[in-house]
N, C-alpha and C. Protein backbone atom coordinates (compact mmCIF):
# COMPACT_ATOMS: atom_id res chain seq x y z
N MET A 1 -89.59 -68.69 35.38
CA MET A 1 -88.83 -69.41 36.41
C MET A 1 -87.33 -69.23 36.21
N THR A 2 -86.91 -69.30 34.95
CA THR A 2 -85.49 -69.15 34.66
C THR A 2 -85.00 -67.77 35.08
N THR A 3 -85.84 -66.75 34.78
CA THR A 3 -85.47 -65.39 35.15
C THR A 3 -85.34 -65.26 36.66
N ALA A 4 -86.27 -65.85 37.41
CA ALA A 4 -86.23 -65.76 38.87
C ALA A 4 -84.96 -66.38 39.40
N ARG A 5 -84.57 -67.52 38.83
CA ARG A 5 -83.35 -68.16 39.31
C ARG A 5 -82.13 -67.30 38.98
N ARG A 6 -82.15 -66.68 37.81
CA ARG A 6 -81.03 -65.84 37.42
C ARG A 6 -80.94 -64.63 38.35
N ASP A 7 -82.09 -64.03 38.69
CA ASP A 7 -82.08 -62.87 39.59
C ASP A 7 -81.56 -63.25 40.96
N THR A 8 -81.99 -64.40 41.46
CA THR A 8 -81.53 -64.84 42.77
C THR A 8 -80.03 -65.05 42.77
N GLY A 9 -79.53 -65.65 41.69
CA GLY A 9 -78.10 -65.87 41.61
C GLY A 9 -77.34 -64.56 41.57
N ALA A 10 -77.89 -63.57 40.85
CA ALA A 10 -77.23 -62.28 40.77
C ALA A 10 -77.17 -61.60 42.13
N ARG A 11 -78.26 -61.73 42.90
CA ARG A 11 -78.28 -61.10 44.21
C ARG A 11 -77.25 -61.75 45.13
N ARG A 12 -77.11 -63.08 45.02
CA ARG A 12 -76.11 -63.76 45.84
C ARG A 12 -74.71 -63.34 45.43
N ASP A 13 -74.51 -63.13 44.12
CA ASP A 13 -73.19 -62.75 43.64
C ASP A 13 -72.78 -61.38 44.18
N THR A 14 -73.72 -60.47 44.36
CA THR A 14 -73.37 -59.12 44.81
C THR A 14 -73.40 -58.99 46.33
N TYR A 15 -73.85 -60.01 47.00
CA TYR A 15 -73.93 -59.99 48.45
C TYR A 15 -72.54 -60.12 49.07
N THR A 16 -72.25 -59.31 50.10
CA THR A 16 -71.00 -59.39 50.83
C THR A 16 -71.29 -59.35 52.32
N PRO A 17 -70.38 -59.85 53.17
CA PRO A 17 -70.58 -59.74 54.61
C PRO A 17 -70.77 -58.30 55.06
N GLU A 18 -70.08 -57.37 54.40
CA GLU A 18 -70.19 -55.96 54.78
C GLU A 18 -71.58 -55.41 54.46
N SER A 19 -72.12 -55.79 53.30
CA SER A 19 -73.46 -55.30 52.96
C SER A 19 -74.50 -55.94 53.86
N LEU A 20 -74.30 -57.19 54.24
CA LEU A 20 -75.21 -57.84 55.18
C LEU A 20 -75.16 -57.14 56.54
N LEU A 21 -73.97 -56.78 56.98
CA LEU A 21 -73.83 -56.08 58.26
C LEU A 21 -74.58 -54.76 58.24
N ALA A 22 -74.46 -54.02 57.14
CA ALA A 22 -75.17 -52.75 57.03
C ALA A 22 -76.67 -52.94 57.11
N VAL A 23 -77.17 -53.98 56.44
CA VAL A 23 -78.60 -54.28 56.49
C VAL A 23 -79.01 -54.66 57.91
N ALA A 24 -78.21 -55.50 58.56
CA ALA A 24 -78.53 -55.95 59.91
C ALA A 24 -78.60 -54.78 60.89
N VAL A 25 -77.67 -53.85 60.78
CA VAL A 25 -77.66 -52.69 61.67
C VAL A 25 -78.92 -51.86 61.47
N THR A 26 -79.31 -51.67 60.22
CA THR A 26 -80.54 -50.93 59.94
C THR A 26 -81.75 -51.60 60.58
N VAL A 27 -81.85 -52.91 60.43
CA VAL A 27 -82.99 -53.64 60.99
C VAL A 27 -82.94 -53.64 62.51
N PHE A 28 -81.76 -53.83 63.09
CA PHE A 28 -81.63 -53.79 64.56
C PHE A 28 -82.09 -52.44 65.10
N ASN A 29 -81.70 -51.36 64.42
CA ASN A 29 -82.08 -50.03 64.89
C ASN A 29 -83.57 -49.76 64.72
N GLU A 30 -84.16 -50.34 63.69
CA GLU A 30 -85.59 -50.12 63.44
C GLU A 30 -86.47 -50.97 64.36
N ARG A 31 -86.10 -52.23 64.53
CA ARG A 31 -86.95 -53.16 65.26
C ARG A 31 -86.47 -53.42 66.69
N GLY A 32 -85.26 -53.02 66.98
CA GLY A 32 -84.64 -53.43 68.23
C GLY A 32 -83.98 -54.78 68.04
N TYR A 33 -82.87 -55.00 68.73
CA TYR A 33 -82.16 -56.27 68.56
C TYR A 33 -83.03 -57.45 68.97
N ASP A 34 -83.69 -57.34 70.12
CA ASP A 34 -84.53 -58.44 70.61
C ASP A 34 -85.71 -58.71 69.68
N GLY A 35 -86.18 -57.69 68.99
CA GLY A 35 -87.34 -57.83 68.12
C GLY A 35 -87.00 -58.26 66.72
N THR A 36 -85.72 -58.53 66.46
CA THR A 36 -85.28 -58.92 65.12
C THR A 36 -85.01 -60.42 65.07
N SER A 37 -85.56 -61.08 64.09
CA SER A 37 -85.32 -62.51 63.88
C SER A 37 -84.44 -62.70 62.64
N MET A 38 -83.94 -63.89 62.46
CA MET A 38 -83.18 -64.19 61.25
C MET A 38 -84.07 -64.07 60.02
N GLU A 39 -85.35 -64.33 60.18
CA GLU A 39 -86.29 -64.16 59.08
C GLU A 39 -86.36 -62.69 58.65
N HIS A 40 -86.40 -61.79 59.63
CA HIS A 40 -86.40 -60.36 59.32
C HIS A 40 -85.13 -59.97 58.55
N LEU A 41 -84.00 -60.49 59.00
CA LEU A 41 -82.73 -60.16 58.34
C LEU A 41 -82.69 -60.74 56.93
N SER A 42 -83.19 -61.93 56.78
CA SER A 42 -83.22 -62.58 55.46
C SER A 42 -84.05 -61.76 54.47
N LYS A 43 -85.22 -61.34 54.91
CA LYS A 43 -86.09 -60.57 54.02
C LYS A 43 -85.48 -59.21 53.69
N ALA A 44 -84.90 -58.56 54.69
CA ALA A 44 -84.32 -57.24 54.45
C ALA A 44 -83.12 -57.31 53.52
N ALA A 45 -82.31 -58.37 53.65
CA ALA A 45 -81.12 -58.51 52.82
C ALA A 45 -81.45 -59.07 51.45
N GLY A 46 -82.61 -59.71 51.32
CA GLY A 46 -82.97 -60.31 50.05
C GLY A 46 -82.21 -61.57 49.74
N ILE A 47 -81.79 -62.27 50.79
CA ILE A 47 -81.07 -63.54 50.61
C ILE A 47 -81.67 -64.56 51.58
N SER A 48 -81.35 -65.81 51.38
CA SER A 48 -81.89 -66.86 52.23
C SER A 48 -81.18 -66.88 53.58
N LYS A 49 -81.83 -67.46 54.57
CA LYS A 49 -81.20 -67.60 55.88
C LYS A 49 -79.96 -68.47 55.80
N SER A 50 -79.99 -69.48 54.96
CA SER A 50 -78.81 -70.34 54.81
C SER A 50 -77.61 -69.56 54.28
N SER A 51 -77.88 -68.57 53.42
CA SER A 51 -76.78 -67.73 52.91
C SER A 51 -76.18 -66.89 54.03
N ILE A 52 -77.03 -66.42 54.93
CA ILE A 52 -76.54 -65.65 56.08
C ILE A 52 -75.69 -66.55 56.97
N TYR A 53 -76.20 -67.75 57.24
CA TYR A 53 -75.48 -68.68 58.13
C TYR A 53 -74.16 -69.17 57.52
N HIS A 54 -74.03 -69.00 56.22
CA HIS A 54 -72.77 -69.36 55.57
C HIS A 54 -71.63 -68.45 56.04
N HIS A 55 -71.98 -67.23 56.46
CA HIS A 55 -70.95 -66.25 56.82
C HIS A 55 -70.93 -65.92 58.31
N VAL A 56 -72.04 -66.07 59.02
CA VAL A 56 -72.08 -65.77 60.45
C VAL A 56 -72.84 -66.87 61.17
N THR A 57 -72.60 -66.98 62.46
CA THR A 57 -73.28 -68.02 63.24
C THR A 57 -74.70 -67.64 63.59
N GLY A 58 -75.01 -66.35 63.51
CA GLY A 58 -76.36 -65.90 63.84
C GLY A 58 -76.38 -64.41 64.06
N LYS A 59 -77.50 -63.91 64.55
CA LYS A 59 -77.65 -62.46 64.65
C LYS A 59 -76.75 -61.86 65.72
N GLU A 60 -76.38 -62.65 66.75
CA GLU A 60 -75.52 -62.08 67.78
C GLU A 60 -74.11 -61.80 67.25
N GLU A 61 -73.66 -62.62 66.32
CA GLU A 61 -72.37 -62.33 65.71
C GLU A 61 -72.44 -61.04 64.89
N LEU A 62 -73.55 -60.82 64.21
CA LEU A 62 -73.73 -59.57 63.48
C LEU A 62 -73.75 -58.39 64.45
N LEU A 63 -74.41 -58.56 65.59
CA LEU A 63 -74.43 -57.51 66.60
C LEU A 63 -73.02 -57.21 67.09
N ARG A 64 -72.25 -58.25 67.37
CA ARG A 64 -70.89 -58.04 67.87
C ARG A 64 -70.03 -57.32 66.83
N ARG A 65 -70.16 -57.71 65.57
CA ARG A 65 -69.40 -57.03 64.52
C ARG A 65 -69.79 -55.56 64.43
N ALA A 66 -71.07 -55.30 64.57
CA ALA A 66 -71.56 -53.93 64.43
C ALA A 66 -71.07 -53.05 65.58
N VAL A 67 -71.25 -53.51 66.81
CA VAL A 67 -70.83 -52.67 67.94
C VAL A 67 -69.31 -52.59 68.03
N SER A 68 -68.63 -53.62 67.55
CA SER A 68 -67.16 -53.57 67.51
C SER A 68 -66.69 -52.46 66.58
N ARG A 69 -67.38 -52.29 65.49
CA ARG A 69 -67.02 -51.22 64.55
C ARG A 69 -67.15 -49.86 65.22
N ALA A 70 -68.23 -49.67 65.97
CA ALA A 70 -68.41 -48.41 66.69
C ALA A 70 -67.35 -48.24 67.77
N LEU A 71 -67.11 -49.29 68.54
CA LEU A 71 -66.14 -49.21 69.64
C LEU A 71 -64.72 -49.00 69.12
N ASP A 72 -64.37 -49.67 68.03
CA ASP A 72 -63.04 -49.49 67.45
C ASP A 72 -62.83 -48.04 67.02
N GLY A 73 -63.89 -47.44 66.47
CA GLY A 73 -63.79 -46.04 66.08
C GLY A 73 -63.56 -45.12 67.27
N LEU A 74 -64.27 -45.38 68.35
CA LEU A 74 -64.14 -44.55 69.54
C LEU A 74 -62.79 -44.75 70.23
N PHE A 75 -62.40 -46.00 70.46
CA PHE A 75 -61.12 -46.25 71.13
C PHE A 75 -59.94 -45.82 70.26
N GLY A 76 -60.12 -45.86 68.95
CA GLY A 76 -59.06 -45.40 68.06
C GLY A 76 -58.72 -43.94 68.27
N ILE A 77 -59.70 -43.15 68.69
CA ILE A 77 -59.47 -41.74 68.98
C ILE A 77 -58.39 -41.57 70.04
N LEU A 78 -58.46 -42.40 71.07
CA LEU A 78 -57.56 -42.26 72.21
C LEU A 78 -56.12 -42.60 71.84
N ASP A 79 -55.91 -43.29 70.72
CA ASP A 79 -54.56 -43.63 70.26
C ASP A 79 -53.98 -42.58 69.32
N GLU A 80 -54.80 -41.62 68.91
CA GLU A 80 -54.31 -40.59 68.00
C GLU A 80 -53.42 -39.61 68.76
N GLN A 81 -52.40 -39.11 68.11
CA GLN A 81 -51.39 -38.31 68.78
C GLN A 81 -51.94 -37.10 69.54
N PRO A 82 -52.85 -36.32 68.96
CA PRO A 82 -53.37 -35.17 69.71
C PRO A 82 -54.15 -35.54 70.98
N ALA A 83 -54.58 -36.79 71.06
CA ALA A 83 -55.29 -37.25 72.26
C ALA A 83 -54.33 -37.74 73.33
N ARG A 84 -53.05 -37.85 72.98
CA ARG A 84 -52.06 -38.43 73.89
C ARG A 84 -51.03 -37.44 74.40
N ALA A 85 -50.95 -36.27 73.77
CA ALA A 85 -49.90 -35.31 74.13
C ALA A 85 -50.50 -33.92 74.32
N GLY A 86 -49.89 -33.16 75.22
CA GLY A 86 -50.36 -31.79 75.46
C GLY A 86 -51.14 -31.68 76.76
N ARG A 87 -51.63 -30.48 77.02
CA ARG A 87 -52.42 -30.25 78.22
C ARG A 87 -53.73 -31.03 78.14
N ALA A 88 -54.21 -31.43 79.28
CA ALA A 88 -55.41 -32.27 79.33
C ALA A 88 -56.60 -31.59 78.68
N ILE A 89 -56.75 -30.28 78.86
CA ILE A 89 -57.90 -29.57 78.29
C ILE A 89 -57.86 -29.59 76.77
N GLU A 90 -56.65 -29.49 76.20
CA GLU A 90 -56.51 -29.54 74.74
C GLU A 90 -56.77 -30.94 74.21
N ARG A 91 -56.31 -31.94 74.94
CA ARG A 91 -56.56 -33.33 74.55
C ARG A 91 -58.06 -33.62 74.64
N LEU A 92 -58.68 -33.12 75.69
CA LEU A 92 -60.12 -33.34 75.86
C LEU A 92 -60.91 -32.68 74.74
N GLU A 93 -60.52 -31.49 74.35
CA GLU A 93 -61.22 -30.81 73.25
C GLU A 93 -61.07 -31.60 71.96
N TYR A 94 -59.86 -32.12 71.72
CA TYR A 94 -59.64 -32.92 70.51
C TYR A 94 -60.50 -34.19 70.54
N VAL A 95 -60.50 -34.87 71.68
CA VAL A 95 -61.27 -36.11 71.80
C VAL A 95 -62.76 -35.83 71.63
N THR A 96 -63.24 -34.74 72.18
CA THR A 96 -64.66 -34.39 72.05
C THR A 96 -65.03 -34.18 70.58
N ARG A 97 -64.21 -33.44 69.87
CA ARG A 97 -64.47 -33.22 68.44
C ARG A 97 -64.47 -34.55 67.68
N ARG A 98 -63.49 -35.38 67.97
CA ARG A 98 -63.39 -36.65 67.24
C ARG A 98 -64.54 -37.59 67.60
N MET A 99 -65.02 -37.53 68.83
CA MET A 99 -66.19 -38.34 69.19
C MET A 99 -67.39 -37.97 68.33
N VAL A 100 -67.59 -36.68 68.13
CA VAL A 100 -68.69 -36.24 67.27
C VAL A 100 -68.48 -36.71 65.84
N GLU A 101 -67.24 -36.64 65.37
CA GLU A 101 -66.94 -37.05 64.00
C GLU A 101 -67.16 -38.55 63.80
N VAL A 102 -66.75 -39.34 64.79
CA VAL A 102 -66.97 -40.79 64.70
C VAL A 102 -68.46 -41.09 64.74
N LEU A 103 -69.17 -40.42 65.63
CA LEU A 103 -70.61 -40.66 65.75
C LEU A 103 -71.32 -40.33 64.44
N THR A 104 -71.03 -39.18 63.86
CA THR A 104 -71.71 -38.80 62.63
C THR A 104 -71.24 -39.64 61.44
N GLY A 105 -69.99 -40.08 61.47
CA GLY A 105 -69.46 -40.89 60.38
C GLY A 105 -69.92 -42.34 60.43
N GLU A 106 -70.16 -42.84 61.62
CA GLU A 106 -70.59 -44.23 61.82
C GLU A 106 -71.95 -44.24 62.52
N LEU A 107 -72.83 -43.36 62.11
CA LEU A 107 -74.08 -43.11 62.83
C LEU A 107 -74.89 -44.37 63.13
N PRO A 108 -75.17 -45.25 62.16
CA PRO A 108 -76.00 -46.42 62.48
C PRO A 108 -75.34 -47.34 63.51
N TYR A 109 -74.01 -47.47 63.43
CA TYR A 109 -73.29 -48.38 64.31
C TYR A 109 -73.21 -47.83 65.73
N VAL A 110 -72.94 -46.53 65.85
CA VAL A 110 -72.90 -45.93 67.19
C VAL A 110 -74.30 -45.88 67.79
N THR A 111 -75.31 -45.63 66.96
CA THR A 111 -76.69 -45.66 67.43
C THR A 111 -77.01 -47.02 68.06
N LEU A 112 -76.64 -48.07 67.37
CA LEU A 112 -76.88 -49.42 67.89
C LEU A 112 -76.12 -49.64 69.19
N LEU A 113 -74.87 -49.19 69.25
CA LEU A 113 -74.08 -49.33 70.47
C LEU A 113 -74.77 -48.65 71.66
N LEU A 114 -75.31 -47.47 71.44
CA LEU A 114 -75.94 -46.72 72.52
C LEU A 114 -77.28 -47.31 72.94
N ARG A 115 -77.83 -48.20 72.12
CA ARG A 115 -79.14 -48.76 72.41
C ARG A 115 -79.10 -50.17 72.98
N VAL A 116 -77.93 -50.77 73.09
CA VAL A 116 -77.88 -52.13 73.65
C VAL A 116 -78.27 -52.06 75.12
N ARG A 117 -78.90 -53.13 75.60
CA ARG A 117 -79.49 -53.12 76.94
C ARG A 117 -78.93 -54.20 77.86
N GLY A 118 -77.97 -54.97 77.42
CA GLY A 118 -77.35 -55.94 78.31
C GLY A 118 -78.08 -57.25 78.43
N ASN A 119 -78.88 -57.62 77.45
CA ASN A 119 -79.65 -58.86 77.53
C ASN A 119 -78.89 -60.08 77.02
N THR A 120 -77.76 -59.88 76.37
CA THR A 120 -76.95 -60.99 75.87
C THR A 120 -75.50 -60.76 76.26
N ASP A 121 -74.67 -61.79 76.08
CA ASP A 121 -73.24 -61.66 76.39
C ASP A 121 -72.61 -60.54 75.57
N THR A 122 -72.97 -60.47 74.30
CA THR A 122 -72.40 -59.43 73.43
C THR A 122 -72.82 -58.04 73.90
N GLU A 123 -74.07 -57.89 74.27
CA GLU A 123 -74.53 -56.59 74.75
C GLU A 123 -73.83 -56.19 76.04
N ARG A 124 -73.66 -57.14 76.96
CA ARG A 124 -72.97 -56.82 78.21
C ARG A 124 -71.51 -56.47 77.95
N TRP A 125 -70.89 -57.19 77.02
CA TRP A 125 -69.51 -56.86 76.66
C TRP A 125 -69.42 -55.46 76.07
N ALA A 126 -70.35 -55.12 75.19
CA ALA A 126 -70.35 -53.80 74.55
C ALA A 126 -70.56 -52.70 75.58
N MET A 127 -71.46 -52.91 76.52
CA MET A 127 -71.72 -51.91 77.55
C MET A 127 -70.50 -51.71 78.43
N GLU A 128 -69.80 -52.79 78.74
CA GLU A 128 -68.59 -52.68 79.57
C GLU A 128 -67.50 -51.91 78.83
N ARG A 129 -67.34 -52.19 77.54
CA ARG A 129 -66.34 -51.47 76.74
C ARG A 129 -66.71 -49.99 76.62
N ARG A 130 -67.98 -49.73 76.45
CA ARG A 130 -68.43 -48.35 76.37
C ARG A 130 -68.16 -47.61 77.67
N ARG A 131 -68.40 -48.26 78.81
CA ARG A 131 -68.11 -47.64 80.11
C ARG A 131 -66.62 -47.38 80.26
N GLU A 132 -65.79 -48.29 79.75
CA GLU A 132 -64.34 -48.10 79.81
C GLU A 132 -63.92 -46.87 79.02
N PHE A 133 -64.50 -46.71 77.83
CA PHE A 133 -64.19 -45.52 77.02
C PHE A 133 -64.64 -44.25 77.75
N ASP A 134 -65.86 -44.25 78.25
CA ASP A 134 -66.38 -43.10 78.98
C ASP A 134 -65.48 -42.75 80.16
N HIS A 135 -64.98 -43.78 80.85
CA HIS A 135 -64.12 -43.57 82.00
C HIS A 135 -62.82 -42.88 81.58
N GLN A 136 -62.25 -43.29 80.47
CA GLN A 136 -61.00 -42.69 80.02
C GLN A 136 -61.19 -41.22 79.63
N VAL A 137 -62.32 -40.91 79.01
CA VAL A 137 -62.60 -39.51 78.67
C VAL A 137 -62.85 -38.70 79.94
N ALA A 138 -63.54 -39.28 80.90
CA ALA A 138 -63.79 -38.60 82.17
C ALA A 138 -62.48 -38.31 82.89
N GLN A 139 -61.52 -39.21 82.78
CA GLN A 139 -60.22 -38.98 83.39
C GLN A 139 -59.54 -37.75 82.80
N LEU A 140 -59.72 -37.53 81.52
CA LEU A 140 -59.16 -36.33 80.89
C LEU A 140 -59.79 -35.07 81.48
N LEU A 141 -61.09 -35.11 81.69
CA LEU A 141 -61.77 -33.95 82.27
C LEU A 141 -61.29 -33.71 83.70
N ARG A 142 -61.10 -34.77 84.47
CA ARG A 142 -60.59 -34.61 85.83
C ARG A 142 -59.18 -34.04 85.82
N ALA A 143 -58.37 -34.50 84.84
CA ALA A 143 -57.00 -33.98 84.74
C ALA A 143 -57.02 -32.50 84.38
N ALA A 144 -57.92 -32.10 83.48
CA ALA A 144 -58.04 -30.69 83.11
C ALA A 144 -58.46 -29.85 84.31
N ALA A 145 -59.35 -30.40 85.13
CA ALA A 145 -59.77 -29.69 86.34
C ALA A 145 -58.60 -29.56 87.31
N ALA A 146 -57.81 -30.63 87.44
CA ALA A 146 -56.65 -30.60 88.34
C ALA A 146 -55.61 -29.59 87.86
N ASP A 147 -55.53 -29.39 86.53
CA ASP A 147 -54.60 -28.40 85.96
C ASP A 147 -55.09 -26.96 86.16
N GLY A 148 -56.34 -26.82 86.60
CA GLY A 148 -56.91 -25.49 86.78
C GLY A 148 -57.47 -24.88 85.51
N ASP A 149 -57.69 -25.72 84.48
CA ASP A 149 -58.19 -25.22 83.20
C ASP A 149 -59.70 -25.32 83.07
N VAL A 150 -60.36 -25.91 84.06
CA VAL A 150 -61.80 -26.07 84.04
C VAL A 150 -62.39 -25.28 85.21
N ARG A 151 -63.52 -24.65 84.97
CA ARG A 151 -64.18 -23.87 86.01
C ARG A 151 -64.40 -24.71 87.27
N GLY A 152 -64.11 -24.13 88.41
CA GLY A 152 -64.22 -24.84 89.66
C GLY A 152 -65.64 -24.94 90.18
N ASP A 153 -66.56 -24.16 89.61
CA ASP A 153 -67.94 -24.18 90.11
C ASP A 153 -68.80 -25.23 89.41
N ILE A 154 -68.20 -26.05 88.53
CA ILE A 154 -68.92 -27.12 87.85
C ILE A 154 -68.38 -28.45 88.34
N GLU A 155 -69.25 -29.26 88.94
CA GLU A 155 -68.83 -30.56 89.46
C GLU A 155 -68.42 -31.45 88.30
N VAL A 156 -67.25 -32.10 88.42
CA VAL A 156 -66.66 -32.83 87.30
C VAL A 156 -67.55 -33.97 86.82
N ARG A 157 -68.12 -34.73 87.74
CA ARG A 157 -68.98 -35.85 87.32
C ARG A 157 -70.21 -35.35 86.57
N LEU A 158 -70.77 -34.24 87.03
CA LEU A 158 -71.93 -33.67 86.34
C LEU A 158 -71.53 -33.19 84.95
N ALA A 159 -70.40 -32.50 84.87
CA ALA A 159 -69.93 -32.01 83.57
C ALA A 159 -69.71 -33.16 82.60
N THR A 160 -69.13 -34.24 83.10
CA THR A 160 -68.88 -35.41 82.25
C THR A 160 -70.19 -35.96 81.69
N ARG A 161 -71.19 -36.10 82.55
CA ARG A 161 -72.48 -36.64 82.11
C ARG A 161 -73.15 -35.72 81.09
N LEU A 162 -73.03 -34.42 81.31
CA LEU A 162 -73.66 -33.47 80.39
C LEU A 162 -72.97 -33.50 79.02
N VAL A 163 -71.64 -33.61 79.03
CA VAL A 163 -70.91 -33.66 77.76
C VAL A 163 -71.30 -34.91 76.97
N PHE A 164 -71.29 -36.06 77.64
CA PHE A 164 -71.68 -37.29 76.96
C PHE A 164 -73.14 -37.25 76.52
N GLY A 165 -73.98 -36.66 77.36
CA GLY A 165 -75.39 -36.55 77.01
C GLY A 165 -75.60 -35.74 75.74
N MET A 166 -74.87 -34.63 75.62
CA MET A 166 -74.99 -33.79 74.43
C MET A 166 -74.55 -34.56 73.18
N ILE A 167 -73.41 -35.22 73.28
CA ILE A 167 -72.88 -35.93 72.11
C ILE A 167 -73.77 -37.11 71.75
N ASN A 168 -74.14 -37.90 72.73
CA ASN A 168 -74.93 -39.10 72.45
C ASN A 168 -76.32 -38.77 71.92
N SER A 169 -76.84 -37.60 72.27
CA SER A 169 -78.18 -37.23 71.79
C SER A 169 -78.21 -37.03 70.28
N LEU A 170 -77.06 -36.89 69.66
CA LEU A 170 -77.02 -36.69 68.21
C LEU A 170 -77.66 -37.86 67.46
N VAL A 171 -77.58 -39.06 68.04
CA VAL A 171 -78.14 -40.22 67.33
C VAL A 171 -79.65 -40.10 67.17
N GLU A 172 -80.29 -39.28 67.99
CA GLU A 172 -81.74 -39.16 67.94
C GLU A 172 -82.22 -38.19 66.87
N TRP A 173 -81.37 -37.27 66.45
CA TRP A 173 -81.86 -36.27 65.50
C TRP A 173 -80.94 -36.02 64.31
N TYR A 174 -79.65 -36.30 64.42
CA TYR A 174 -78.75 -35.97 63.32
C TYR A 174 -78.95 -36.94 62.15
N ARG A 175 -79.12 -36.38 60.96
CA ARG A 175 -79.22 -37.17 59.74
C ARG A 175 -78.28 -36.57 58.70
N PRO A 176 -77.30 -37.34 58.23
CA PRO A 176 -76.30 -36.79 57.30
C PRO A 176 -76.87 -36.37 55.95
N ASP A 177 -78.06 -36.85 55.61
CA ASP A 177 -78.61 -36.55 54.29
C ASP A 177 -79.76 -35.56 54.33
N GLY A 178 -79.89 -34.83 55.44
CA GLY A 178 -81.00 -33.89 55.51
C GLY A 178 -80.82 -32.88 56.62
N GLY A 179 -81.64 -31.84 56.58
CA GLY A 179 -81.61 -30.82 57.63
C GLY A 179 -80.66 -29.68 57.37
N GLY A 180 -79.80 -29.82 56.36
CA GLY A 180 -78.90 -28.73 56.03
C GLY A 180 -77.78 -28.51 57.03
N ILE A 181 -77.55 -29.47 57.93
CA ILE A 181 -76.50 -29.35 58.93
C ILE A 181 -75.45 -30.40 58.66
N GLY A 182 -74.23 -29.98 58.37
CA GLY A 182 -73.16 -30.92 58.06
C GLY A 182 -72.45 -31.41 59.31
N ASP A 183 -71.69 -32.50 59.16
CA ASP A 183 -71.01 -33.08 60.31
C ASP A 183 -69.96 -32.12 60.89
N ARG A 184 -69.29 -31.37 60.03
CA ARG A 184 -68.29 -30.41 60.51
C ARG A 184 -68.96 -29.31 61.34
N GLU A 185 -70.12 -28.86 60.87
CA GLU A 185 -70.86 -27.83 61.60
C GLU A 185 -71.31 -28.34 62.97
N VAL A 186 -71.75 -29.58 63.02
CA VAL A 186 -72.17 -30.17 64.29
C VAL A 186 -70.98 -30.26 65.24
N ALA A 187 -69.85 -30.75 64.75
CA ALA A 187 -68.66 -30.89 65.60
C ALA A 187 -68.21 -29.53 66.13
N ASP A 188 -68.19 -28.52 65.26
CA ASP A 188 -67.80 -27.16 65.69
C ASP A 188 -68.73 -26.65 66.78
N ALA A 189 -70.03 -26.86 66.61
CA ALA A 189 -71.01 -26.36 67.56
C ALA A 189 -70.87 -27.05 68.92
N VAL A 190 -70.68 -28.37 68.92
CA VAL A 190 -70.53 -29.10 70.18
C VAL A 190 -69.28 -28.63 70.92
N VAL A 191 -68.16 -28.54 70.21
CA VAL A 191 -66.92 -28.10 70.84
C VAL A 191 -67.05 -26.68 71.38
N GLU A 192 -67.67 -25.81 70.61
CA GLU A 192 -67.86 -24.42 71.05
C GLU A 192 -68.71 -24.36 72.32
N LEU A 193 -69.83 -25.05 72.32
CA LEU A 193 -70.73 -25.02 73.47
C LEU A 193 -70.08 -25.63 74.71
N VAL A 194 -69.42 -26.77 74.53
CA VAL A 194 -68.83 -27.46 75.67
C VAL A 194 -67.69 -26.65 76.27
N PHE A 195 -66.77 -26.20 75.42
CA PHE A 195 -65.55 -25.62 75.97
C PHE A 195 -65.66 -24.13 76.28
N GLN A 196 -66.62 -23.44 75.70
CA GLN A 196 -66.91 -22.10 76.17
C GLN A 196 -67.52 -22.15 77.56
N GLY A 197 -68.23 -23.25 77.83
CA GLY A 197 -68.82 -23.41 79.14
C GLY A 197 -67.87 -23.96 80.18
N LEU A 198 -66.94 -24.82 79.75
CA LEU A 198 -66.06 -25.50 80.70
C LEU A 198 -64.79 -24.72 81.02
N ARG A 199 -64.22 -24.08 80.03
CA ARG A 199 -62.90 -23.46 80.24
C ARG A 199 -62.96 -22.35 81.31
N LYS A 200 -61.97 -22.33 82.10
CA LYS A 200 -61.84 -21.29 83.12
C LYS A 200 -61.47 -19.99 82.43
N ALA A 201 -62.13 -18.92 82.79
CA ALA A 201 -61.87 -17.62 82.17
C ALA A 201 -60.42 -17.22 82.34
N GLY A 202 -59.81 -16.73 81.24
CA GLY A 202 -58.43 -16.28 81.31
C GLY A 202 -57.43 -17.41 81.15
């Protein structure tokens, strides 16, 4: 009994809000947010529910923290200097590469963001923010088309959907610890495929 109490105390000592968030994201992605209870989170984290409630109000706060991390990474791209200066096609290429890098670097968090369905206030907020980001990237593509740097035979809205579809599909198959494909290789391949197809010849 003494050993059990000592082990429990040790686990609480090493527990942090960040480690709890990582566990919560894993469980949300495995079970779905709606299918996850505080009991599931407690068991996965190896701590009591009361310990979780000491740091967060509930699972929706964990969801908001998780999707905020993904959204902050994506919106942060748009504030980087290469995304703000230069021709639209060059800015778009930079943003596309960085989107892949953020997705592969924050894979569990972006995966969760892409899977929210709008059933809670946090999910609806996340979906609205995601649409805002998509809209800003789409504006870059429209600007590149207006500059004459994008092929005229590809409809801009279709091209936008295809680009996002290619990038977002990475969450379904990319694994940083397997497959022999590194994040840099993935980013290079996406940029090559997208911009060899989009850029106007010459």
